[in-house]
Amino acid sequence: MHKVPRQWLINVVYTIIGEPFNAWIKDEIANRNEELARKQNLLIDMDAEIAQAFHRSVNISSKF
């Protein structure tokens, strides 16, 4: 079989499997990002109340 584009293969698998595949991909990305943050010491300690407010926040600044 010749090389196929990764995105094409992902689309085919998603078409066949559907939402469970999408959920698995999202979990894998979250796990990879968490592991990378730990390995590269990118995590910060934050007060519990501030962390809770940060995670609830949906506002972003679009100003440069």
PDB file of N, CA and C in Angstrom:
ATOM      1  N   MET A   1       0.854  -1.187   0.000  1.00  0.00           N
ATOM      2  CA  MET A   1       0.000   0.000   0.000  1.00  0.00           C
ATOM      3  C   MET A   1       0.892   1.241   0.000  1.00  0.00           C
ATOM      4  N   HIS A   2       0.603   2.160  -0.874  1.00  0.00           N
ATOM      5  CA  HIS A   2       1.377   3.388  -0.927  1.00  0.00           C
ATOM      6  C   HIS A   2       1.051   4.269   0.280  1.00  0.00           C
ATOM      7  N   LYS A   3       1.855   5.298   0.490  1.00  0.00           N
ATOM      8  CA  LYS A   3       1.623   6.189   1.625  1.00  0.00           C
ATOM      9  C   LYS A   3       0.324   6.970   1.430  1.00  0.00           C
ATOM     10  N   VAL A   4      -0.451   7.016   2.476  1.00  0.00           N
ATOM     11  CA  VAL A   4      -1.690   7.802   2.443  1.00  0.00           C
ATOM     12  C   VAL A   4      -1.543   8.952   3.431  1.00  0.00           C
ATOM     13  N   PRO A   5      -2.166  10.072   3.131  1.00  0.00           N
ATOM     14  CA  PRO A   5      -2.088  11.202   4.056  1.00  0.00           C
ATOM     15  C   PRO A   5      -2.713  10.843   5.402  1.00  0.00           C
ATOM     16  N   ARG A   6      -2.076  11.272   6.474  1.00  0.00           N
ATOM     17  CA  ARG A   6      -2.540  10.969   7.822  1.00  0.00           C
ATOM     18  C   ARG A   6      -3.974  11.453   8.033  1.00  0.00           C
ATOM     19  N   GLN A   7      -4.280  12.662   7.562  1.00  0.00           N
ATOM     20  CA  GLN A   7      -5.620  13.203   7.769  1.00  0.00           C
ATOM     21  C   GLN A   7      -6.684  12.369   7.058  1.00  0.00           C
ATOM     22  N   TRP A   8      -6.362  11.844   5.901  1.00  0.00           N
ATOM     23  CA  TRP A   8      -7.310  10.989   5.187  1.00  0.00           C
ATOM     24  C   TRP A   8      -7.610   9.740   6.006  1.00  0.00           C
ATOM     25  N   LEU A   9      -6.554   9.120   6.547  1.00  0.00           N
ATOM     26  CA  LEU A   9      -6.731   7.920   7.356  1.00  0.00           C
ATOM     27  C   LEU A   9      -7.558   8.228   8.608  1.00  0.00           C
ATOM     28  N   ILE A  10      -7.281   9.344   9.249  1.00  0.00           N
ATOM     29  CA  ILE A  10      -8.046   9.756  10.432  1.00  0.00           C
ATOM     30  C   ILE A  10      -9.513   9.948  10.066  1.00  0.00           C
ATOM     31  N   ASN A  11      -9.783  10.580   8.945  1.00  0.00           N
ATOM     32  CA  ASN A  11     -11.167  10.783   8.517  1.00  0.00           C
ATOM     33  C   ASN A  11     -11.885   9.463   8.255  1.00  0.00           C
ATOM     34  N   VAL A  12     -11.194   8.514   7.654  1.00  0.00           N
ATOM     35  CA  VAL A  12     -11.798   7.202   7.376  1.00  0.00           C
ATOM     36  C   VAL A  12     -12.124   6.494   8.693  1.00  0.00           C
ATOM     37  N   VAL A  13     -11.168   6.495   9.630  1.00  0.00           N
ATOM     38  CA  VAL A  13     -11.397   5.833  10.919  1.00  0.00           C
ATOM     39  C   VAL A  13     -12.546   6.501  11.659  1.00  0.00           C
ATOM     40  N   TYR A  14     -12.583   7.838  11.651  1.00  0.00           N
ATOM     41  CA  TYR A  14     -13.672   8.547  12.327  1.00  0.00           C
ATOM     42  C   TYR A  14     -15.022   8.228  11.683  1.00  0.00           C
ATOM     43  N   THR A  15     -15.047   8.118  10.359  1.00  0.00           N
ATOM     44  CA  THR A  15     -16.284   7.785   9.664  1.00  0.00           C
ATOM     45  C   THR A  15     -16.797   6.407  10.074  1.00  0.00           C
ATOM     46  N   ILE A  16     -15.884   5.474  10.269  1.00  0.00           N
ATOM     47  CA  ILE A  16     -16.272   4.113  10.623  1.00  0.00           C
ATOM     48  C   ILE A  16     -16.612   3.988  12.111  1.00  0.00           C
ATOM     49  N   ILE A  17     -15.765   4.527  12.979  1.00  0.00           N
ATOM     50  CA  ILE A  17     -15.924   4.337  14.425  1.00  0.00           C
ATOM     51  C   ILE A  17     -16.773   5.430  15.055  1.00  0.00           C
ATOM     52  N   GLY A  18     -16.584   6.667  14.607  1.00  0.00           N
ATOM     53  CA  GLY A  18     -17.402   7.772  15.108  1.00  0.00           C
ATOM     54  C   GLY A  18     -16.898   8.386  16.396  1.00  0.00           C
ATOM     55  N   GLU A  19     -17.837   8.734  17.273  1.00  0.00           N
ATOM     56  CA  GLU A  19     -17.541   9.491  18.494  1.00  0.00           C
ATOM     57  C   GLU A  19     -16.574   8.790  19.452  1.00  0.00           C
ATOM     58  N   PRO A  20     -16.621   7.467  19.615  1.00  0.00           N
ATOM     59  CA  PRO A  20     -15.617   6.843  20.497  1.00  0.00           C
ATOM     60  C   PRO A  20     -14.177   7.123  20.046  1.00  0.00           C
ATOM     61  N   PHE A  21     -13.954   7.157  18.738  1.00  0.00           N
ATOM     62  CA  PHE A  21     -12.621   7.479  18.212  1.00  0.00           C
ATOM     63  C   PHE A  21     -12.258   8.920  18.541  1.00  0.00           C
ATOM     64  N   ASN A  22     -13.194   9.827  18.371  1.00  0.00           N
ATOM     65  CA  ASN A  22     -12.961  11.237  18.678  1.00  0.00           C
ATOM     66  C   ASN A  22     -12.625  11.421  20.161  1.00  0.00           C
ATOM     67  N   ALA A  23     -13.365  10.758  21.035  1.00  0.00           N
ATOM     68  CA  ALA A  23     -13.115  10.850  22.472  1.00  0.00           C
ATOM     69  C   ALA A  23     -11.737  10.283  22.813  1.00  0.00           C
ATOM     70  N   TRP A  24     -11.363   9.182  22.176  1.00  0.00           N
ATOM     71  CA  TRP A  24     -10.057   8.575  22.421  1.00  0.00           C
ATOM     72  C   TRP A  24      -8.935   9.523  22.002  1.00  0.00           C
ATOM     73  N   ILE A  25      -9.095  10.147  20.839  1.00  0.00           N
ATOM     74  CA  ILE A  25      -8.089  11.097  20.357  1.00  0.00           C
ATOM     75  C   ILE A  25      -7.941  12.259  21.341  1.00  0.00           C
ATOM     76  N   LYS A  26      -9.048  12.818  21.799  1.00  0.00           N
ATOM     77  CA  LYS A  26      -8.988  13.934  22.753  1.00  0.00           C
ATOM     78  C   LYS A  26      -8.300  13.527  24.047  1.00  0.00           C
ATOM     79  N   ASP A  27      -8.589  12.319  24.543  1.00  0.00           N
ATOM     80  CA  ASP A  27      -7.929  11.822  25.758  1.00  0.00           C
ATOM     81  C   ASP A  27      -6.428  11.665  25.546  1.00  0.00           C
ATOM     82  N   GLU A  28      -6.045  11.122  24.396  1.00  0.00           N
ATOM     83  CA  GLU A  28      -4.625  10.934  24.098  1.00  0.00           C
ATOM     84  C   GLU A  28      -3.890  12.275  24.022  1.00  0.00           C
ATOM     85  N   ILE A  29      -4.515  13.272  23.427  1.00  0.00           N
ATOM     86  CA  ILE A  29      -3.901  14.598  23.330  1.00  0.00           C
ATOM     87  C   ILE A  29      -3.747  15.205  24.720  1.00  0.00           C
ATOM     88  N   ALA A  30      -4.785  15.097  25.560  1.00  0.00           N
ATOM     89  CA  ALA A  30      -4.716  15.633  26.921  1.00  0.00           C
ATOM     90  C   ALA A  30      -3.616  14.930  27.718  1.00  0.00           C
ATOM     91  N   ASN A  31      -3.524  13.605  27.591  1.00  0.00           N
ATOM     92  CA  ASN A  31      -2.474  12.860  28.292  1.00  0.00           C
ATOM     93  C   ASN A  31      -1.087  13.271  27.820  1.00  0.00           C
ATOM     94  N   ARG A  32      -0.912  13.411  26.513  1.00  0.00           N
ATOM     95  CA  ARG A  32       0.381  13.828  25.973  1.00  0.00           C
ATOM     96  C   ARG A  32       0.769  15.205  26.480  1.00  0.00           C
ATOM     97  N   ASN A  33      -0.197  16.149  26.474  1.00  0.00           N
ATOM     98  CA  ASN A  33       0.097  17.501  26.923  1.00  0.00           C
ATOM     99  C   ASN A  33       0.455  17.537  28.410  1.00  0.00           C
ATOM    100  N   GLU A  34      -0.257  16.743  29.217  1.00  0.00           N
ATOM    101  CA  GLU A  34       0.025  16.697  30.650  1.00  0.00           C
ATOM    102  C   GLU A  34       1.417  16.123  30.912  1.00  0.00           C
ATOM    103  N   GLU A  35       1.755  15.050  30.213  1.00  0.00           N
ATOM    104  CA  GLU A  35       3.071  14.437  30.383  1.00  0.00           C
ATOM    105  C   GLU A  35       4.180  15.394  29.946  1.00  0.00           C
ATOM    106  N   LEU A  36       3.976  16.075  28.842  1.00  0.00           N
ATOM    107  CA  LEU A  36       4.952  17.034  28.348  1.00  0.00           C
ATOM    108  C   LEU A  36       5.138  18.185  29.339  1.00  0.00           C
ATOM    109  N   ALA A  37       4.044  18.672  29.907  1.00  0.00           N
ATOM    110  CA  ALA A  37       4.126  19.761  30.887  1.00  0.00           C
ATOM    111  C   ALA A  37       4.910  19.310  32.118  1.00  0.00           C
ATOM    112  N   ARG A  38       4.688  18.067  32.556  1.00  0.00           N
ATOM    113  CA  ARG A  38       5.431  17.554  33.716  1.00  0.00           C
ATOM    114  C   ARG A  38       6.906  17.381  33.387  1.00  0.00           C
ATOM    115  N   LYS A  39       7.214  16.805  32.234  1.00  0.00           N
ATOM    116  CA  LYS A  39       8.605  16.548  31.865  1.00  0.00           C
ATOM    117  C   LYS A  39       9.404  17.832  31.693  1.00  0.00           C
ATOM    118  N   GLN A  40       8.768  18.877  31.169  1.00  0.00           N
ATOM    119  CA  GLN A  40       9.470  20.127  30.909  1.00  0.00           C
ATOM    120  C   GLN A  40       9.272  21.157  32.022  1.00  0.00           C
ATOM    121  N   ASN A  41       8.702  20.699  33.147  1.00  0.00           N
ATOM    122  CA  ASN A  41       8.500  21.550  34.312  1.00  0.00           C
ATOM    123  C   ASN A  41       7.727  22.824  33.951  1.00  0.00           C
ATOM    124  N   LEU A  42       6.608  22.652  33.267  1.00  0.00           N
ATOM    125  CA  LEU A  42       5.799  23.782  32.822  1.00  0.00           C
ATOM    126  C   LEU A  42       4.588  24.017  33.719  1.00  0.00           C
ATOM    127  N   LEU A  43       4.438  23.217  34.764  1.00  0.00           N
ATOM    128  CA  LEU A  43       3.297  23.349  35.661  1.00  0.00           C
ATOM    129  C   LEU A  43       3.591  24.403  36.724  1.00  0.00           C
ATOM    130  N   ILE A  44       2.550  25.065  37.189  1.00  0.00           N
ATOM    131  CA  ILE A  44       2.713  26.063  38.239  1.00  0.00           C
ATOM    132  C   ILE A  44       1.798  25.719  39.406  1.00  0.00           C
ATOM    133  N   ASP A  45       2.213  26.137  40.603  1.00  0.00           N
ATOM    134  CA  ASP A  45       1.362  26.001  41.776  1.00  0.00           C
ATOM    135  C   ASP A  45       0.458  27.214  41.834  1.00  0.00           C
ATOM    136  N   MET A  46      -0.814  26.980  42.149  1.00  0.00           N
ATOM    137  CA  MET A  46      -1.776  28.067  42.159  1.00  0.00           C
ATOM    138  C   MET A  46      -2.726  27.867  43.332  1.00  0.00           C
ATOM    139  N   ASP A  47      -3.096  28.968  43.975  1.00  0.00           N
ATOM    140  CA  ASP A  47      -4.088  28.921  45.036  1.00  0.00           C
ATOM    141  C   ASP A  47      -5.355  28.252  44.500  1.00  0.00           C
ATOM    142  N   ALA A  48      -5.999  27.431  45.321  1.00  0.00           N
ATOM    143  CA  ALA A  48      -7.166  26.655  44.876  1.00  0.00           C
ATOM    144  C   ALA A  48      -8.294  27.546  44.355  1.00  0.00           C
ATOM    145  N   GLU A  49      -8.563  28.655  45.025  1.00  0.00           N
ATOM    146  CA  GLU A  49      -9.643  29.551  44.589  1.00  0.00           C
ATOM    147  C   GLU A  49      -9.297  30.223  43.261  1.00  0.00           C
ATOM    148  N   ILE A  50      -8.054  30.616  43.105  1.00  0.00           N
ATOM    149  CA  ILE A  50      -7.626  31.248  41.849  1.00  0.00           C
ATOM    150  C   ILE A  50      -7.667  30.225  40.720  1.00  0.00           C
ATOM    151  N   ALA A  51      -7.233  29.008  40.993  1.00  0.00           N
ATOM    152  CA  ALA A  51      -7.270  27.953  39.969  1.00  0.00           C
ATOM    153  C   ALA A  51      -8.701  27.675  39.539  1.00  0.00           C
ATOM    154  N   GLN A  52      -9.616  27.640  40.495  1.00  0.00           N
ATOM    155  CA  GLN A  52     -11.023  27.392  40.179  1.00  0.00           C
ATOM    156  C   GLN A  52     -11.578  28.510  39.298  1.00  0.00           C
ATOM    157  N   ALA A  53     -11.261  29.768  39.630  1.00  0.00           N
ATOM    158  CA  ALA A  53     -11.714  30.897  38.819  1.00  0.00           C
ATOM    159  C   ALA A  53     -11.095  30.838  37.422  1.00  0.00           C
ATOM    160  N   PHE A  54      -9.827  30.458  37.344  1.00  0.00           N
ATOM    161  CA  PHE A  54      -9.142  30.353  36.055  1.00  0.00           C
ATOM    162  C   PHE A  54      -9.818  29.311  35.168  1.00  0.00           C
ATOM    163  N   HIS A  55     -10.145  28.158  35.720  1.00  0.00           N
ATOM    164  CA  HIS A  55     -10.758  27.093  34.932  1.00  0.00           C
ATOM    165  C   HIS A  55     -12.191  27.420  34.542  1.00  0.00           C
ATOM    166  N   ARG A  56     -12.873  28.262  35.310  1.00  0.00           N
ATOM    167  CA  ARG A  56     -14.243  28.667  34.970  1.00  0.00           C
ATOM    168  C   ARG A  56     -14.258  29.785  33.927  1.00  0.00           C
ATOM    169  N   SER A  57     -13.162  30.488  33.804  1.00  0.00           N
ATOM    170  CA  SER A  57     -13.104  31.644  32.914  1.00  0.00           C
ATOM    171  C   SER A  57     -13.180  31.222  31.453  1.00  0.00           C
ATOM    172  N   VAL A  58     -13.994  31.929  30.699  1.00  0.00           N
ATOM    173  CA  VAL A  58     -14.087  31.683  29.260  1.00  0.00           C
ATOM    174  C   VAL A  58     -13.733  32.935  28.468  1.00  0.00           C
ATOM    175  N   ASN A  59     -13.403  34.010  29.150  1.00  0.00           N
ATOM    176  CA  ASN A  59     -13.061  35.270  28.496  1.00  0.00           C
ATOM    177  C   ASN A  59     -11.599  35.287  28.123  1.00  0.00           C
ATOM    178  N   ILE A  60     -11.331  35.794  26.927  1.00  0.00           N
ATOM    179  CA  ILE A  60      -9.950  35.959  26.487  1.00  0.00           C
ATOM    180  C   ILE A  60      -9.799  37.372  25.960  1.00  0.00           C
ATOM    181  N   SER A  61      -8.595  37.873  26.005  1.00  0.00           N
ATOM    182  CA  SER A  61      -8.305  39.196  25.486  1.00  0.00           C
ATOM    183  C   SER A  61      -7.868  39.086  24.035  1.00  0.00           C
ATOM    184  N   SER A  62      -8.415  39.937  23.209  1.00  0.00           N
ATOM    185  CA  SER A  62      -8.022  39.943  21.801  1.00  0.00           C
ATOM    186  C   SER A  62      -7.130  41.146  21.492  1.00  0.00           C
ATOM    187  N   LYS A  63      -6.741  41.867  22.532  1.00  0.00           N
ATOM    188  CA  LYS A  63      -5.868  43.040  22.356  1.00  0.00           C
ATOM    189  C   LYS A  63      -4.415  42.588  22.327  1.00  0.00           C
ATOM    190  N   PHE A  64      -3.646  43.255  21.541  1.00  0.00           N
ATOM    191  CA  PHE A  64      -2.220  42.920  21.429  1.00  0.00           C
ATOM    192  C   PHE A  64      -1.428  43.764  22.348  1.00  0.00           C
TER     193      PHE A  64
END
